[in-house]
């Protein structure tokens, strides 16, 4: 993990989040902004950590998870670039209610939380932008989890494969960034069930598996399993 300073002038952060902040306010916010790099498997946020920074993911892919009463992880969601990984707890608690872990090489922008809160108090449109992003992320998590819960085992696994194909990588061949165990944690099934179902998909020529690489060979069939499975 390493930190580097950066500017906001040409950053996506300005166009999608700070559209209603003037140049002077943006400079004040970004003067102390740094980029922090995380390797795959590194923890970005630990559940229970104090919330003292505002985090914005610039590059990479992360998982949000929460520890169960039995000490196991339950994956809540995945986040890609331009998601605000600290938003879900930042205005409701002084400690994080979940963990965030890099599942690919990830770059996170770190902003001063006090400065962000100050602008939220003084700038109504900035506050509306914040609320919109919080609502979008909350809606995504709720709808994704409801969609998964209404499916049977094969439908859940088809949903995960299509999620990475259509939403994350936007192509039918990709390196699956999570393990079979993590898929099981996300969809609420056992690792053995995930392994068996992927093997059945391969046997039925729906997918091809090359180590960690997945090729969706029959997308229409996989979409049908996801929809009706």
C-alpha atoms as a PDB file:
ATOM      1  CA  UNK A   1       0.000   0.000   0.000  1.00  0.00           C
ATOM      2  CA  UNK A   2       1.306   3.445  -0.913  1.00  0.00           C
ATOM      3  CA  UNK A   3       0.085   7.041  -0.958  1.00  0.00           C
ATOM      4  CA  UNK A   4       0.559   9.623  -3.688  1.00  0.00           C
ATOM      5  CA  UNK A   5      -0.750  13.173  -3.954  1.00  0.00           C
ATOM      6  CA  UNK A   6      -3.038  14.077  -6.834  1.00  0.00           C
ATOM      7  CA  UNK A   7      -5.135  16.917  -8.209  1.00  0.00           C
ATOM      8  CA  UNK A   8      -8.852  17.104  -8.953  1.00  0.00           C
ATOM      9  CA  UNK A   9      -8.834  19.259 -12.070  1.00  0.00           C
ATOM     10  CA  UNK A  10      -9.266  16.392 -14.529  1.00  0.00           C
ATOM     11  CA  UNK A  11     -10.564  13.804 -12.091  1.00  0.00           C
ATOM     12  CA  UNK A  12     -13.839  11.935 -12.680  1.00  0.00           C
ATOM     13  CA  UNK A  13     -14.610  12.880  -9.100  1.00  0.00           C
ATOM     14  CA  UNK A  14     -15.260  16.455 -10.192  1.00  0.00           C
ATOM     15  CA  UNK A  15     -17.786  15.617 -12.905  1.00  0.00           C
ATOM     16  CA  UNK A  16     -19.795  13.003 -11.003  1.00  0.00           C
ATOM     17  CA  UNK A  17     -19.671  14.374  -7.492  1.00  0.00           C
ATOM     18  CA  UNK A  18     -18.399  17.944  -7.241  1.00  0.00           C
ATOM     19  CA  UNK A  19     -20.384  19.420 -10.139  1.00  0.00           C
ATOM     20  CA  UNK A  20     -21.984  21.953  -7.787  1.00  0.00           C
ATOM     21  CA  UNK A  21     -18.815  23.001  -5.963  1.00  0.00           C
ATOM     22  CA  UNK A  22     -16.955  26.089  -7.169  1.00  0.00           C
ATOM     23  CA  UNK A  23     -13.268  26.027  -8.065  1.00  0.00           C
ATOM     24  CA  UNK A  24     -12.118  27.563  -4.769  1.00  0.00           C
ATOM     25  CA  UNK A  25     -14.110  25.057  -2.684  1.00  0.00           C
ATOM     26  CA  UNK A  26     -12.849  22.202  -4.844  1.00  0.00           C
ATOM     27  CA  UNK A  27      -9.266  23.344  -4.324  1.00  0.00           C
ATOM     28  CA  UNK A  28      -9.795  23.429  -0.555  1.00  0.00           C
ATOM     29  CA  UNK A  29     -11.212  19.900  -0.597  1.00  0.00           C
ATOM     30  CA  UNK A  30      -8.500  18.503  -2.837  1.00  0.00           C
ATOM     31  CA  UNK A  31      -5.422  20.208  -1.375  1.00  0.00           C
ATOM     32  CA  UNK A  32      -4.975  17.338   1.077  1.00  0.00           C
ATOM     33  CA  UNK A  33      -6.370  14.586  -1.155  1.00  0.00           C
ATOM     34  CA  UNK A  34      -4.175  11.529  -1.678  1.00  0.00           C
ATOM     35  CA  UNK A  35      -4.406   8.333  -3.705  1.00  0.00           C
ATOM     36  CA  UNK A  36      -3.795   5.080  -1.897  1.00  0.00           C
ATOM     37  CA  UNK A  37      -2.998   1.811  -3.703  1.00  0.00           C
ATOM     38  CA  UNK A  38      -4.085  -1.608  -2.432  1.00  0.00           C
ATOM     39  CA  UNK A  39      -3.065  -5.049  -3.678  1.00  0.00           C
ATOM     40  CA  UNK A  40      -5.556  -7.862  -4.194  1.00  0.00           C
ATOM     41  CA  UNK A  41      -6.602  -9.229  -0.807  1.00  0.00           C
ATOM     42  CA  UNK A  42      -5.659  -6.095   1.146  1.00  0.00           C
ATOM     43  CA  UNK A  43      -8.250  -4.726   3.550  1.00  0.00           C
ATOM     44  CA  UNK A  44      -9.227  -1.131   2.795  1.00  0.00           C
ATOM     45  CA  UNK A  45     -11.775  -0.743   5.594  1.00  0.00           C
ATOM     46  CA  UNK A  46     -12.125  -2.984   8.647  1.00  0.00           C
ATOM     47  CA  UNK A  47     -15.550  -3.425  10.188  1.00  0.00           C
ATOM     48  CA  UNK A  48     -15.501  -1.440  13.433  1.00  0.00           C
ATOM     49  CA  UNK A  49     -12.827   1.028  12.267  1.00  0.00           C
ATOM     50  CA  UNK A  50     -13.500   4.694  13.122  1.00  0.00           C
ATOM     51  CA  UNK A  51     -14.770   6.729  10.173  1.00  0.00           C
ATOM     52  CA  UNK A  52     -12.249   9.559   9.850  1.00  0.00           C
ATOM     53  CA  UNK A  53     -11.773   9.762   6.068  1.00  0.00           C
ATOM     54  CA  UNK A  54     -13.962   9.941   2.970  1.00  0.00           C
ATOM     55  CA  UNK A  55     -13.049   7.177   0.489  1.00  0.00           C
ATOM     56  CA  UNK A  56     -13.728   7.145  -3.235  1.00  0.00           C
ATOM     57  CA  UNK A  57     -12.624   4.260  -5.458  1.00  0.00           C
ATOM     58  CA  UNK A  58     -10.850   5.445  -8.602  1.00  0.00           C
ATOM     59  CA  UNK A  59      -9.646   2.113 -10.040  1.00  0.00           C
ATOM     60  CA  UNK A  60     -10.063  -1.566  -9.268  1.00  0.00           C
ATOM     61  CA  UNK A  61     -12.722  -3.748  -7.678  1.00  0.00           C
ATOM     62  CA  UNK A  62     -13.667  -4.366  -4.045  1.00  0.00           C
ATOM     63  CA  UNK A  63     -16.057  -6.470  -1.983  1.00  0.00           C
ATOM     64  CA  UNK A  64     -18.137  -5.220   0.935  1.00  0.00           C
ATOM     65  CA  UNK A  65     -18.618  -7.832   3.660  1.00  0.00           C
ATOM     66  CA  UNK A  66     -19.857  -8.188   7.209  1.00  0.00           C
ATOM     67  CA  UNK A  67     -18.854 -10.719   9.856  1.00  0.00           C
ATOM     68  CA  UNK A  68     -21.616 -13.057  11.024  1.00  0.00           C
ATOM     69  CA  UNK A  69     -22.213 -14.146  14.619  1.00  0.00           C
ATOM     70  CA  UNK A  70     -20.232 -17.298  13.838  1.00  0.00           C
ATOM     71  CA  UNK A  71     -17.200 -15.324  12.660  1.00  0.00           C
ATOM     72  CA  UNK A  72     -17.706 -15.996   8.951  1.00  0.00           C
ATOM     73  CA  UNK A  73     -17.894 -13.331   6.259  1.00  0.00           C
ATOM     74  CA  UNK A  74     -21.108 -12.539   4.432  1.00  0.00           C
ATOM     75  CA  UNK A  75     -20.441 -10.637   1.221  1.00  0.00           C
ATOM     76  CA  UNK A  76     -22.892  -7.762   0.870  1.00  0.00           C
ATOM     77  CA  UNK A  77     -21.950  -6.393  -2.521  1.00  0.00           C
ATOM     78  CA  UNK A  78     -19.163  -5.583  -4.960  1.00  0.00           C
ATOM     79  CA  UNK A  79     -18.112  -2.075  -5.988  1.00  0.00           C
ATOM     80  CA  UNK A  80     -16.342  -0.852  -9.087  1.00  0.00           C
ATOM     81  CA  UNK A  81     -14.689   2.499  -9.941  1.00  0.00           C
ATOM     82  CA  UNK A  82     -16.653   5.689  -9.245  1.00  0.00           C
ATOM     83  CA  UNK A  83     -18.477   4.068  -6.318  1.00  0.00           C
ATOM     84  CA  UNK A  84     -18.202   5.776  -2.951  1.00  0.00           C
ATOM     85  CA  UNK A  85     -17.150   2.894  -0.751  1.00  0.00           C
ATOM     86  CA  UNK A  86     -17.479   4.820   2.511  1.00  0.00           C
ATOM     87  CA  UNK A  87     -20.921   6.300   1.912  1.00  0.00           C
ATOM     88  CA  UNK A  88     -23.093   3.661   3.575  1.00  0.00           C
ATOM     89  CA  UNK A  89     -21.940   4.482   7.104  1.00  0.00           C
ATOM     90  CA  UNK A  90     -20.300   7.875   6.811  1.00  0.00           C
ATOM     91  CA  UNK A  91     -23.285   9.962   7.946  1.00  0.00           C
ATOM     92  CA  UNK A  92     -25.024   7.400  10.155  1.00  0.00           C
ATOM     93  CA  UNK A  93     -22.242   6.202  12.453  1.00  0.00           C
ATOM     94  CA  UNK A  94     -18.754   6.995  13.696  1.00  0.00           C
ATOM     95  CA  UNK A  95     -17.617   3.425  12.947  1.00  0.00           C
ATOM     96  CA  UNK A  96     -17.853   1.285   9.832  1.00  0.00           C
ATOM     97  CA  UNK A  97     -20.562  -1.387   9.861  1.00  0.00           C
ATOM     98  CA  UNK A  98     -18.835  -3.482   7.187  1.00  0.00           C
ATOM     99  CA  UNK A  99     -15.410  -4.301   5.743  1.00  0.00           C
ATOM    100  CA  UNK A 100     -14.084  -3.388   2.305  1.00  0.00           C
ATOM    101  CA  UNK A 101     -11.414  -5.599   0.695  1.00  0.00           C
ATOM    102  CA  UNK A 102      -9.643  -5.220  -2.648  1.00  0.00           C
ATOM    103  CA  UNK A 103     -10.306  -8.154  -4.994  1.00  0.00           C
ATOM    104  CA  UNK A 104      -8.202  -6.568  -7.738  1.00  0.00           C
ATOM    105  CA  UNK A 105      -5.403  -3.999  -7.692  1.00  0.00           C
ATOM    106  CA  UNK A 106      -7.310  -0.966  -6.411  1.00  0.00           C
ATOM    107  CA  UNK A 107      -6.691   2.778  -6.131  1.00  0.00           C
ATOM    108  CA  UNK A 108      -8.699   4.770  -3.599  1.00  0.00           C
ATOM    109  CA  UNK A 109      -8.876   8.551  -3.264  1.00  0.00           C
ATOM    110  CA  UNK A 110      -8.844   9.792   0.327  1.00  0.00           C
ATOM    111  CA  UNK A 111     -10.569  13.089   1.150  1.00  0.00           C
ATOM    112  CA  UNK A 112     -10.747  14.968   4.437  1.00  0.00           C
ATOM    113  CA  UNK A 113     -14.083  13.935   5.991  1.00  0.00           C
ATOM    114  CA  UNK A 114     -14.480  17.198   7.922  1.00  0.00           C
ATOM    115  CA  UNK A 115     -14.165  19.203   4.711  1.00  0.00           C
ATOM    116  CA  UNK A 116     -16.745  17.033   2.931  1.00  0.00           C
ATOM    117  CA  UNK A 117     -19.188  17.389   5.848  1.00  0.00           C
ATOM    118  CA  UNK A 118     -18.616  21.160   5.961  1.00  0.00           C
ATOM    119  CA  UNK A 119     -19.535  21.473   2.280  1.00  0.00           C
ATOM    120  CA  UNK A 120     -22.571  19.269   2.807  1.00  0.00           C
ATOM    121  CA  UNK A 121     -23.773  21.647   5.539  1.00  0.00           C
ATOM    122  CA  UNK A 122     -23.184  24.794   3.482  1.00  0.00           C
ATOM    123  CA  UNK A 123     -24.032  23.686  -0.071  1.00  0.00           C
ATOM    124  CA  UNK A 124     -27.526  22.311  -0.697  1.00  0.00           C
ATOM    125  CA  UNK A 125     -26.767  20.964  -4.182  1.00  0.00           C
ATOM    126  CA  UNK A 126     -23.632  19.247  -2.909  1.00  0.00           C
ATOM    127  CA  UNK A 127     -25.779  17.595  -0.205  1.00  0.00           C
ATOM    128  CA  UNK A 128     -28.288  16.502  -2.864  1.00  0.00           C
ATOM    129  CA  UNK A 129     -25.436  14.906  -4.841  1.00  0.00           C
ATOM    130  CA  UNK A 130     -24.355  13.037  -1.711  1.00  0.00           C
ATOM    131  CA  UNK A 131     -27.893  11.834  -1.026  1.00  0.00           C
ATOM    132  CA  UNK A 132     -28.306  10.702  -4.630  1.00  0.00           C
ATOM    133  CA  UNK A 133     -25.149   8.570  -4.510  1.00  0.00           C
ATOM    134  CA  UNK A 134     -26.071   7.088  -1.128  1.00  0.00           C
ATOM    135  CA  UNK A 135     -29.542   6.210  -2.462  1.00  0.00           C
ATOM    136  CA  UNK A 136     -28.145   4.694  -5.660  1.00  0.00           C
ATOM    137  CA  UNK A 137     -25.700   2.480  -3.790  1.00  0.00           C
ATOM    138  CA  UNK A 138     -28.325   1.421  -1.232  1.00  0.00           C
ATOM    139  CA  UNK A 139     -30.846   0.645  -3.986  1.00  0.00           C
ATOM    140  CA  UNK A 140     -28.260  -1.435  -5.859  1.00  0.00           C
ATOM    141  CA  UNK A 141     -27.428  -3.542  -2.799  1.00  0.00           C
ATOM    142  CA  UNK A 142     -31.086  -4.095  -1.871  1.00  0.00           C
ATOM    143  CA  UNK A 143     -32.231  -4.965  -5.400  1.00  0.00           C
ATOM    144  CA  UNK A 144     -29.264  -7.257  -6.103  1.00  0.00           C
ATOM    145  CA  UNK A 145     -29.806  -9.167  -2.860  1.00  0.00           C
ATOM    146  CA  UNK A 146     -33.561  -9.489  -3.450  1.00  0.00           C
ATOM    147  CA  UNK A 147     -32.907 -10.678  -7.004  1.00  0.00           C
ATOM    148  CA  UNK A 148     -30.482 -13.344  -5.763  1.00  0.00           C
ATOM    149  CA  UNK A 149     -32.764 -14.548  -2.958  1.00  0.00           C
ATOM    150  CA  UNK A 150     -35.672 -15.252  -5.312  1.00  0.00           C
ATOM    151  CA  UNK A 151     -33.543 -17.629  -7.389  1.00  0.00           C
ATOM    152  CA  UNK A 152     -32.582 -21.249  -6.863  1.00  0.00           C
ATOM    153  CA  UNK A 153     -28.935 -22.358  -6.764  1.00  0.00           C
ATOM    154  CA  UNK A 154     -28.265 -22.438 -10.520  1.00  0.00           C
ATOM    155  CA  UNK A 155     -30.008 -19.118 -11.021  1.00  0.00           C
ATOM    156  CA  UNK A 156     -27.889 -17.501  -8.321  1.00  0.00           C
ATOM    157  CA  UNK A 157     -24.621 -18.663  -9.850  1.00  0.00           C
ATOM    158  CA  UNK A 158     -25.764 -17.648 -13.341  1.00  0.00           C
ATOM    159  CA  UNK A 159     -26.595 -14.226 -11.885  1.00  0.00           C
ATOM    160  CA  UNK A 160     -23.054 -13.852 -10.487  1.00  0.00           C
ATOM    161  CA  UNK A 161     -21.405 -14.810 -13.780  1.00  0.00           C
ATOM    162  CA  UNK A 162     -23.611 -12.382 -15.723  1.00  0.00           C
ATOM    163  CA  UNK A 163     -22.946  -9.667 -13.137  1.00  0.00           C
ATOM    164  CA  UNK A 164     -19.201  -9.824 -13.771  1.00  0.00           C
ATOM    165  CA  UNK A 165     -19.686 -10.222 -17.520  1.00  0.00           C
ATOM    166  CA  UNK A 166     -22.229  -7.443 -18.095  1.00  0.00           C
ATOM    167  CA  UNK A 167     -21.728  -4.979 -15.235  1.00  0.00           C
ATOM    168  CA  UNK A 168     -18.059  -5.231 -14.288  1.00  0.00           C
ATOM    169  CA  UNK A 169     -16.030  -6.317 -17.328  1.00  0.00           C
ATOM    170  CA  UNK A 170     -18.547  -5.836 -20.175  1.00  0.00           C
ATOM    171  CA  UNK A 171     -17.260  -8.887 -22.043  1.00  0.00           C
ATOM    172  CA  UNK A 172     -17.983 -12.619 -22.095  1.00  0.00           C
ATOM    173  CA  UNK A 173     -14.469 -13.796 -21.265  1.00  0.00           C
ATOM    174  CA  UNK A 174     -12.857 -12.589 -18.047  1.00  0.00           C
ATOM    175  CA  UNK A 175     -10.808 -13.638 -15.065  1.00  0.00           C
ATOM    176  CA  UNK A 176     -13.175 -14.368 -12.204  1.00  0.00           C
ATOM    177  CA  UNK A 177     -11.852 -12.127  -9.402  1.00  0.00           C
ATOM    178  CA  UNK A 178     -13.418 -14.075  -6.547  1.00  0.00           C
ATOM    179  CA  UNK A 179     -13.031 -17.648  -5.329  1.00  0.00           C
ATOM    180  CA  UNK A 180     -15.707 -20.343  -5.247  1.00  0.00           C
ATOM    181  CA  UNK A 181     -15.890 -19.768  -1.493  1.00  0.00           C
ATOM    182  CA  UNK A 182     -16.552 -16.049  -1.996  1.00  0.00           C
ATOM    183  CA  UNK A 183     -19.292 -16.806  -4.521  1.00  0.00           C
ATOM    184  CA  UNK A 184     -20.862 -19.051  -1.876  1.00  0.00           C
ATOM    185  CA  UNK A 185     -20.613 -16.264   0.720  1.00  0.00           C
ATOM    186  CA  UNK A 186     -22.324 -13.846  -1.652  1.00  0.00           C
ATOM    187  CA  UNK A 187     -25.226 -16.058  -2.731  1.00  0.00           C
ATOM    188  CA  UNK A 188     -25.792 -17.843   0.591  1.00  0.00           C
ATOM    189  CA  UNK A 189     -24.912 -21.361  -0.581  1.00  0.00           C
ATOM    190  CA  UNK A 190     -22.123 -23.821   0.191  1.00  0.00           C
ATOM    191  CA  UNK A 191     -18.793 -23.850  -1.614  1.00  0.00           C
ATOM    192  CA  UNK A 192     -19.448 -27.465  -2.668  1.00  0.00           C
ATOM    193  CA  UNK A 193     -22.718 -26.422  -4.348  1.00  0.00           C
ATOM    194  CA  UNK A 194     -20.938 -23.653  -6.247  1.00  0.00           C
ATOM    195  CA  UNK A 195     -18.189 -25.994  -7.479  1.00  0.00           C
ATOM    196  CA  UNK A 196     -20.722 -28.619  -8.557  1.00  0.00           C
ATOM    197  CA  UNK A 197     -22.918 -26.124 -10.400  1.00  0.00           C
ATOM    198  CA  UNK A 198     -20.003 -24.551 -12.269  1.00  0.00           C
ATOM    199  CA  UNK A 199     -18.935 -28.054 -13.318  1.00  0.00           C
ATOM    200  CA  UNK A 200     -22.472 -28.727 -14.587  1.00  0.00           C
ATOM    201  CA  UNK A 201     -22.459 -25.457 -16.554  1.00  0.00           C
ATOM    202  CA  UNK A 202     -19.175 -26.507 -18.127  1.00  0.00           C
ATOM    203  CA  UNK A 203     -20.430 -30.011 -18.907  1.00  0.00           C
ATOM    204  CA  UNK A 204     -23.542 -28.509 -20.553  1.00  0.00           C
ATOM    205  CA  UNK A 205     -21.288 -26.215 -22.644  1.00  0.00           C
ATOM    206  CA  UNK A 206     -22.793 -23.066 -21.130  1.00  0.00           C
ATOM    207  CA  UNK A 207     -19.384 -21.874 -19.936  1.00  0.00           C
ATOM    208  CA  UNK A 208     -15.762 -22.817 -20.438  1.00  0.00           C
ATOM    209  CA  UNK A 209     -13.306 -22.679 -17.545  1.00  0.00           C
ATOM    210  CA  UNK A 210      -9.576 -22.140 -18.012  1.00  0.00           C
ATOM    211  CA  UNK A 211      -8.139 -21.929 -14.504  1.00  0.00           C
ATOM    212  CA  UNK A 212      -9.462 -18.606 -13.182  1.00  0.00           C
ATOM    213  CA  UNK A 213     -10.712 -17.508 -16.609  1.00  0.00           C
ATOM    214  CA  UNK A 214     -14.379 -17.892 -17.502  1.00  0.00           C
ATOM    215  CA  UNK A 215     -15.776 -17.846 -21.045  1.00  0.00           C
ATOM    216  CA  UNK A 216     -19.549 -17.616 -21.358  1.00  0.00           C
ATOM    217  CA  UNK A 217     -20.162 -19.831 -24.375  1.00  0.00           C
ATOM    218  CA  UNK A 218     -23.989 -19.836 -24.378  1.00  0.00           C
ATOM    219  CA  UNK A 219     -25.107 -16.502 -22.985  1.00  0.00           C
ATOM    220  CA  UNK A 220     -28.777 -16.858 -23.896  1.00  0.00           C
ATOM    221  CA  UNK A 221     -29.004 -20.080 -21.949  1.00  0.00           C
ATOM    222  CA  UNK A 222     -27.158 -18.584 -18.974  1.00  0.00           C
ATOM    223  CA  UNK A 223     -29.533 -15.584 -19.040  1.00  0.00           C
ATOM    224  CA  UNK A 224     -32.494 -17.954 -19.063  1.00  0.00           C
ATOM    225  CA  UNK A 225     -31.120 -19.863 -16.056  1.00  0.00           C
ATOM    226  CA  UNK A 226     -30.546 -16.575 -14.245  1.00  0.00           C
ATOM    227  CA  UNK A 227     -34.058 -15.358 -14.992  1.00  0.00           C
ATOM    228  CA  UNK A 228     -35.997 -18.569 -14.301  1.00  0.00           C
ATOM    229  CA  UNK A 229     -33.557 -20.628 -12.224  1.00  0.00           C
END
